[in-house]
Amino acid sequence: MRKIILSTVFVAIVFSLTGCGSEEVKTVEYYKTHIAERDAKIKECLNNPGASKENANCANAASAKFHSGIEIDPSKATDAKKFDKF
């Protein structure tokens, strides 16, 4: 009987430490290249704003969306828009 109880407690501890159900954290660069997944993650995060504050994927997806709209490739800038003239 004692072995059964100890085994049950051990299994419960192992499951609690493994973080069952936690999702893999994806980088900002990942979300920049996977637009459909990024937009789905942002929609999911907006649906539950309380939980999304502590979700790294929510922050990374939002950051990727923000940065993808303002990135400029300096090599493709016209003479009037060269960055070294600022």
N, C-alpha and C. Protein backbone atom coordinates (compact mmCIF):
# COMPACT_ATOMS: atom_id res chain seq x y z
N MET A 1 0.82 -1.19 0.00
CA MET A 1 0.00 0.00 0.00
C MET A 1 0.87 1.26 0.00
N ARG A 2 1.94 1.20 0.77
CA ARG A 2 2.83 2.36 0.86
C ARG A 2 3.51 2.64 -0.49
N LYS A 3 3.87 1.55 -1.21
CA LYS A 3 4.49 1.72 -2.53
C LYS A 3 3.54 2.39 -3.51
N ILE A 4 2.28 2.05 -3.44
CA ILE A 4 1.29 2.64 -4.34
C ILE A 4 1.15 4.13 -4.07
N ILE A 5 1.10 4.51 -2.84
CA ILE A 5 0.97 5.92 -2.48
C ILE A 5 2.21 6.69 -2.90
N LEU A 6 3.39 6.15 -2.63
CA LEU A 6 4.63 6.81 -3.03
C LEU A 6 4.75 6.92 -4.55
N SER A 7 4.35 5.87 -5.25
CA SER A 7 4.37 5.91 -6.71
C SER A 7 3.43 6.96 -7.26
N THR A 8 2.26 7.07 -6.68
CA THR A 8 1.28 8.07 -7.11
C THR A 8 1.80 9.48 -6.87
N VAL A 9 2.40 9.70 -5.71
CA VAL A 9 2.96 11.02 -5.40
C VAL A 9 4.10 11.35 -6.35
N PHE A 10 4.96 10.36 -6.62
CA PHE A 10 6.07 10.57 -7.54
C PHE A 10 5.58 10.94 -8.94
N VAL A 11 4.60 10.23 -9.44
CA VAL A 11 4.04 10.51 -10.76
C VAL A 11 3.41 11.90 -10.80
N ALA A 12 2.72 12.27 -9.75
CA ALA A 12 2.11 13.60 -9.69
C ALA A 12 3.17 14.70 -9.70
N ILE A 13 4.27 14.48 -9.00
CA ILE A 13 5.35 15.48 -8.99
C ILE A 13 6.00 15.59 -10.37
N VAL A 14 6.23 14.47 -11.01
CA VAL A 14 6.84 14.48 -12.34
C VAL A 14 5.96 15.23 -13.32
N PHE A 15 4.66 14.96 -13.31
CA PHE A 15 3.76 15.66 -14.23
C PHE A 15 3.70 17.15 -13.94
N SER A 16 3.74 17.53 -12.69
CA SER A 16 3.66 18.97 -12.37
C SER A 16 4.93 19.70 -12.77
N LEU A 17 6.06 19.02 -12.77
CA LEU A 17 7.32 19.66 -13.13
C LEU A 17 7.58 19.70 -14.63
N THR A 18 6.93 18.86 -15.39
CA THR A 18 7.18 18.82 -16.83
C THR A 18 6.45 19.91 -17.58
N GLY A 19 5.49 20.56 -16.98
CA GLY A 19 4.77 21.63 -17.66
C GLY A 19 3.91 21.13 -18.79
N CYS A 20 3.14 20.12 -18.55
CA CYS A 20 2.28 19.55 -19.58
C CYS A 20 1.39 20.63 -20.18
N GLY A 21 1.32 20.65 -21.50
CA GLY A 21 0.45 21.58 -22.18
C GLY A 21 1.09 22.93 -22.46
N SER A 22 2.31 23.17 -22.01
CA SER A 22 2.93 24.46 -22.30
C SER A 22 3.40 24.47 -23.75
N GLU A 23 3.25 25.61 -24.39
CA GLU A 23 3.60 25.69 -25.80
C GLU A 23 5.04 26.16 -25.96
N GLU A 24 5.61 25.80 -27.09
CA GLU A 24 6.97 26.20 -27.42
C GLU A 24 6.99 27.71 -27.69
N VAL A 25 7.97 28.40 -27.15
CA VAL A 25 8.09 29.84 -27.38
C VAL A 25 8.79 30.04 -28.72
N LYS A 26 8.13 30.79 -29.59
CA LYS A 26 8.67 31.06 -30.92
C LYS A 26 9.23 32.49 -30.95
N THR A 27 10.24 32.70 -31.74
CA THR A 27 10.93 33.99 -31.77
C THR A 27 10.18 35.01 -32.63
N VAL A 28 10.60 36.25 -32.51
CA VAL A 28 10.05 37.32 -33.34
C VAL A 28 10.34 37.03 -34.81
N GLU A 29 11.55 36.57 -35.10
CA GLU A 29 11.91 36.24 -36.48
C GLU A 29 11.00 35.15 -37.05
N TYR A 30 10.64 34.18 -36.23
CA TYR A 30 9.73 33.12 -36.67
C TYR A 30 8.39 33.72 -37.09
N TYR A 31 7.86 34.59 -36.23
CA TYR A 31 6.55 35.18 -36.52
C TYR A 31 6.62 36.16 -37.70
N LYS A 32 7.78 36.72 -37.99
CA LYS A 32 7.91 37.59 -39.16
C LYS A 32 7.77 36.79 -40.45
N THR A 33 8.22 35.55 -40.43
CA THR A 33 8.17 34.74 -41.65
C THR A 33 6.94 33.85 -41.74
N HIS A 34 6.24 33.65 -40.64
CA HIS A 34 5.03 32.82 -40.62
C HIS A 34 3.82 33.73 -40.30
N ILE A 35 3.41 34.48 -41.29
CA ILE A 35 2.42 35.53 -41.11
C ILE A 35 1.06 34.98 -40.67
N ALA A 36 0.60 33.92 -41.27
CA ALA A 36 -0.71 33.36 -40.91
C ALA A 36 -0.73 32.90 -39.45
N GLU A 37 0.34 32.25 -39.03
CA GLU A 37 0.42 31.80 -37.64
C GLU A 37 0.53 32.98 -36.68
N ARG A 38 1.26 34.02 -37.11
CA ARG A 38 1.39 35.23 -36.30
C ARG A 38 0.03 35.89 -36.09
N ASP A 39 -0.72 36.04 -37.17
CA ASP A 39 -2.02 36.69 -37.06
C ASP A 39 -2.99 35.87 -36.22
N ALA A 40 -2.91 34.54 -36.33
CA ALA A 40 -3.76 33.67 -35.51
C ALA A 40 -3.40 33.81 -34.03
N LYS A 41 -2.10 33.89 -33.73
CA LYS A 41 -1.67 34.03 -32.34
C LYS A 41 -2.11 35.39 -31.78
N ILE A 42 -2.01 36.44 -32.57
CA ILE A 42 -2.45 37.76 -32.11
C ILE A 42 -3.95 37.76 -31.84
N LYS A 43 -4.72 37.13 -32.73
CA LYS A 43 -6.16 37.05 -32.53
C LYS A 43 -6.48 36.29 -31.25
N GLU A 44 -5.77 35.18 -31.01
CA GLU A 44 -5.97 34.40 -29.79
C GLU A 44 -5.62 35.22 -28.55
N CYS A 45 -4.55 35.98 -28.62
CA CYS A 45 -4.12 36.79 -27.48
C CYS A 45 -5.09 37.93 -27.19
N LEU A 46 -5.64 38.53 -28.23
CA LEU A 46 -6.60 39.61 -28.04
C LEU A 46 -7.90 39.09 -27.43
N ASN A 47 -8.19 37.82 -27.65
CA ASN A 47 -9.39 37.22 -27.10
C ASN A 47 -9.28 36.98 -25.59
N ASN A 48 -8.05 36.91 -25.08
CA ASN A 48 -7.83 36.66 -23.66
C ASN A 48 -6.68 37.56 -23.17
N PRO A 49 -6.92 38.87 -23.06
CA PRO A 49 -5.84 39.81 -22.75
C PRO A 49 -5.23 39.61 -21.36
N GLY A 50 -5.97 39.11 -20.41
CA GLY A 50 -5.41 38.89 -19.08
C GLY A 50 -4.31 37.85 -19.07
N ALA A 51 -4.52 36.76 -19.77
CA ALA A 51 -3.53 35.69 -19.82
C ALA A 51 -2.39 36.01 -20.78
N SER A 52 -2.65 36.84 -21.77
CA SER A 52 -1.62 37.12 -22.77
C SER A 52 -0.51 38.01 -22.26
N LYS A 53 -0.71 38.69 -21.14
CA LYS A 53 0.34 39.55 -20.60
C LYS A 53 1.58 38.75 -20.23
N GLU A 54 1.41 37.52 -19.83
CA GLU A 54 2.54 36.70 -19.41
C GLU A 54 2.89 35.63 -20.44
N ASN A 55 2.38 35.74 -21.65
CA ASN A 55 2.64 34.76 -22.69
C ASN A 55 3.69 35.33 -23.65
N ALA A 56 4.84 34.68 -23.71
CA ALA A 56 5.94 35.16 -24.55
C ALA A 56 5.57 35.14 -26.03
N ASN A 57 4.77 34.17 -26.46
CA ASN A 57 4.38 34.11 -27.86
C ASN A 57 3.48 35.28 -28.25
N CYS A 58 2.65 35.74 -27.33
CA CYS A 58 1.82 36.91 -27.61
C CYS A 58 2.69 38.14 -27.85
N ALA A 59 3.67 38.33 -26.98
CA ALA A 59 4.57 39.47 -27.11
C ALA A 59 5.41 39.36 -28.38
N ASN A 60 5.90 38.18 -28.69
CA ASN A 60 6.73 38.00 -29.88
C ASN A 60 5.93 38.19 -31.16
N ALA A 61 4.70 37.70 -31.19
CA ALA A 61 3.86 37.87 -32.38
C ALA A 61 3.52 39.34 -32.59
N ALA A 62 3.18 40.04 -31.52
CA ALA A 62 2.86 41.46 -31.63
C ALA A 62 4.08 42.26 -32.07
N SER A 63 5.23 41.94 -31.53
CA SER A 63 6.46 42.62 -31.91
C SER A 63 6.79 42.38 -33.38
N ALA A 64 6.61 41.16 -33.83
CA ALA A 64 6.87 40.84 -35.24
C ALA A 64 5.95 41.61 -36.17
N LYS A 65 4.68 41.73 -35.78
CA LYS A 65 3.73 42.48 -36.61
C LYS A 65 4.11 43.96 -36.65
N PHE A 66 4.48 44.51 -35.51
CA PHE A 66 4.88 45.91 -35.44
C PHE A 66 6.12 46.18 -36.30
N HIS A 67 7.13 45.34 -36.14
CA HIS A 67 8.38 45.58 -36.85
C HIS A 67 8.29 45.25 -38.34
N SER A 68 7.43 44.36 -38.72
CA SER A 68 7.34 44.02 -40.14
C SER A 68 6.74 45.16 -40.96
N GLY A 69 6.00 46.03 -40.32
CA GLY A 69 5.40 47.15 -41.04
C GLY A 69 6.31 48.34 -41.22
N ILE A 70 7.41 48.41 -40.48
CA ILE A 70 8.27 49.59 -40.56
C ILE A 70 9.71 49.28 -40.96
N GLU A 71 10.00 48.03 -41.26
CA GLU A 71 11.36 47.70 -41.65
C GLU A 71 11.67 48.27 -43.03
N ILE A 72 12.85 48.82 -43.15
CA ILE A 72 13.30 49.39 -44.42
C ILE A 72 14.66 48.80 -44.74
N ASP A 73 14.85 48.39 -45.97
CA ASP A 73 16.13 47.88 -46.41
C ASP A 73 16.94 49.06 -46.93
N PRO A 74 17.99 49.48 -46.23
CA PRO A 74 18.76 50.66 -46.65
C PRO A 74 19.37 50.52 -48.03
N SER A 75 19.65 49.32 -48.49
CA SER A 75 20.25 49.13 -49.81
C SER A 75 19.26 49.46 -50.93
N LYS A 76 17.96 49.48 -50.62
CA LYS A 76 16.96 49.77 -51.64
C LYS A 76 16.42 51.19 -51.54
N ALA A 77 16.98 51.99 -50.65
CA ALA A 77 16.51 53.36 -50.48
C ALA A 77 16.97 54.21 -51.67
N THR A 78 16.13 55.18 -52.05
CA THR A 78 16.51 56.09 -53.13
C THR A 78 17.48 57.13 -52.58
N ASP A 79 18.10 57.91 -53.46
CA ASP A 79 19.06 58.93 -53.01
C ASP A 79 18.43 59.91 -52.04
N ALA A 80 17.17 60.23 -52.23
CA ALA A 80 16.50 61.19 -51.35
C ALA A 80 16.23 60.60 -49.97
N LYS A 81 16.30 59.29 -49.85
CA LYS A 81 15.97 58.65 -48.58
C LYS A 81 17.17 57.94 -47.94
N LYS A 82 18.36 58.33 -48.28
CA LYS A 82 19.53 57.68 -47.69
C LYS A 82 19.57 57.97 -46.21
N PHE A 83 19.93 56.96 -45.44
CA PHE A 83 19.91 57.08 -43.99
C PHE A 83 21.07 57.87 -43.45
N ASP A 84 22.18 57.95 -44.17
CA ASP A 84 23.33 58.65 -43.65
C ASP A 84 23.17 60.18 -43.72
N LYS A 85 22.08 60.68 -44.28
CA LYS A 85 21.86 62.13 -44.38
C LYS A 85 21.10 62.68 -43.18
N PHE A 86 20.75 61.83 -42.22
CA PHE A 86 19.99 62.31 -41.06
C PHE A 86 20.88 62.94 -40.06
